[in-house]
Amino acid sequence: MMRLSITLAKVFGFISILALFGCNDGPAEEAGERLDEKVQEVENSVEDACEKVKEEVNAKNEEC
């Protein structure tokens, strides 16, 4: 799980850098927005999966 968190942090950092260079309107900005949406979807999926696993093992704190 830690490896996944590190990987997501790296992806988010990379996307943040790309966002700085893609501030102009046009295809690059649209692509950046689509990429941001996909990253958010992945982050939500990972969090949901983490919470489900914690729920299944009856963890006291189910938040990830």
C-alpha atoms as a PDB file:
ATOM      1  CA  MET A   1       0.000   0.000   0.000  1.00  0.00           C
ATOM      2  CA  MET A   2       2.910   2.355   0.748  1.00  0.00           C
ATOM      3  CA  ARG A   3       4.372   1.744  -2.687  1.00  0.00           C
ATOM      4  CA  LEU A   4       1.066   2.724  -4.260  1.00  0.00           C
ATOM      5  CA  SER A   5       0.963   5.945  -2.242  1.00  0.00           C
ATOM      6  CA  ILE A   6       4.474   6.861  -3.342  1.00  0.00           C
ATOM      7  CA  THR A   7       3.626   6.125  -6.967  1.00  0.00           C
ATOM      8  CA  LEU A   8       0.494   8.274  -6.770  1.00  0.00           C
ATOM      9  CA  ALA A   9       2.505  11.097  -5.208  1.00  0.00           C
ATOM     10  CA  LYS A  10       5.009  10.921  -8.064  1.00  0.00           C
ATOM     11  CA  VAL A  11       2.220  10.931 -10.658  1.00  0.00           C
ATOM     12  CA  PHE A  12       0.546  13.894  -8.976  1.00  0.00           C
ATOM     13  CA  GLY A  13       3.857  15.778  -8.887  1.00  0.00           C
ATOM     14  CA  PHE A  14       4.487  15.090 -12.557  1.00  0.00           C
ATOM     15  CA  ILE A  15       0.997  16.242 -13.469  1.00  0.00           C
ATOM     16  CA  SER A  16       1.457  19.389 -11.401  1.00  0.00           C
ATOM     17  CA  ILE A  17       4.601  20.232 -13.351  1.00  0.00           C
ATOM     18  CA  LEU A  18       2.794  19.620 -16.630  1.00  0.00           C
ATOM     19  CA  ALA A  19      -0.035  21.868 -15.465  1.00  0.00           C
ATOM     20  CA  LEU A  20       2.407  24.732 -14.976  1.00  0.00           C
ATOM     21  CA  PHE A  21       3.493  24.475 -18.590  1.00  0.00           C
ATOM     22  CA  GLY A  22       0.000  23.915 -19.956  1.00  0.00           C
ATOM     23  CA  CYS A  23      -1.589  27.141 -18.750  1.00  0.00           C
ATOM     24  CA  ASN A  24      -2.392  28.380 -22.254  1.00  0.00           C
ATOM     25  CA  ASP A  25      -5.818  27.698 -23.702  1.00  0.00           C
ATOM     26  CA  GLY A  26      -5.819  25.016 -26.322  1.00  0.00           C
ATOM     27  CA  PRO A  27      -5.218  21.309 -26.805  1.00  0.00           C
ATOM     28  CA  ALA A  28      -2.525  21.082 -24.126  1.00  0.00           C
ATOM     29  CA  GLU A  29      -4.823  22.574 -21.501  1.00  0.00           C
ATOM     30  CA  GLU A  30      -7.663  20.259 -22.472  1.00  0.00           C
ATOM     31  CA  ALA A  31      -5.357  17.254 -22.317  1.00  0.00           C
ATOM     32  CA  GLY A  32      -4.129  18.380 -18.906  1.00  0.00           C
ATOM     33  CA  GLU A  33      -7.673  18.698 -17.629  1.00  0.00           C
ATOM     34  CA  ARG A  34      -8.554  15.222 -18.879  1.00  0.00           C
ATOM     35  CA  LEU A  35      -5.420  13.856 -17.241  1.00  0.00           C
ATOM     36  CA  ASP A  36      -6.295  15.599 -13.972  1.00  0.00           C
ATOM     37  CA  GLU A  37      -9.749  14.047 -14.061  1.00  0.00           C
ATOM     38  CA  LYS A  38      -8.304  10.565 -14.624  1.00  0.00           C
ATOM     39  CA  VAL A  39      -5.800  10.999 -11.788  1.00  0.00           C
ATOM     40  CA  GLN A  40      -8.622  12.084  -9.488  1.00  0.00           C
ATOM     41  CA  GLU A  41     -10.599   8.995 -10.500  1.00  0.00           C
ATOM     42  CA  VAL A  42      -7.593   6.771  -9.696  1.00  0.00           C
ATOM     43  CA  GLU A  43      -7.072   8.478  -6.338  1.00  0.00           C
ATOM     44  CA  ASN A  44     -10.744   7.978  -5.477  1.00  0.00           C
ATOM     45  CA  SER A  45     -10.590   4.315  -6.503  1.00  0.00           C
ATOM     46  CA  VAL A  46      -7.502   3.711  -4.379  1.00  0.00           C
ATOM     47  CA  GLU A  47      -9.108   5.365  -1.377  1.00  0.00           C
ATOM     48  CA  ASP A  48     -12.312   3.358  -1.852  1.00  0.00           C
ATOM     49  CA  ALA A  49     -10.330   0.125  -2.085  1.00  0.00           C
ATOM     50  CA  CYS A  50      -8.341   1.013   1.028  1.00  0.00           C
ATOM     51  CA  GLU A  51     -11.511   1.756   2.978  1.00  0.00           C
ATOM     52  CA  LYS A  52     -13.093  -1.497   1.800  1.00  0.00           C
ATOM     53  CA  VAL A  53     -10.078  -3.530   2.929  1.00  0.00           C
ATOM     54  CA  LYS A  54     -10.077  -1.826   6.322  1.00  0.00           C
ATOM     55  CA  GLU A  55     -13.805  -2.489   6.629  1.00  0.00           C
ATOM     56  CA  GLU A  56     -13.348  -6.177   5.798  1.00  0.00           C
ATOM     57  CA  VAL A  57     -10.662  -6.616   8.464  1.00  0.00           C
ATOM     58  CA  ASN A  58     -12.774  -4.698  10.999  1.00  0.00           C
ATOM     59  CA  ALA A  59     -10.238  -1.924  11.440  1.00  0.00           C
ATOM     60  CA  LYS A  60     -11.188   0.697  14.019  1.00  0.00           C
ATOM     61  CA  ASN A  61     -10.314   3.544  11.665  1.00  0.00           C
ATOM     62  CA  GLU A  62     -11.755   2.891   8.205  1.00  0.00           C
ATOM     63  CA  GLU A  63     -10.535   6.164   6.670  1.00  0.00           C
ATOM     64  CA  CYS A  64      -7.451   6.079   4.467  1.00  0.00           C
END
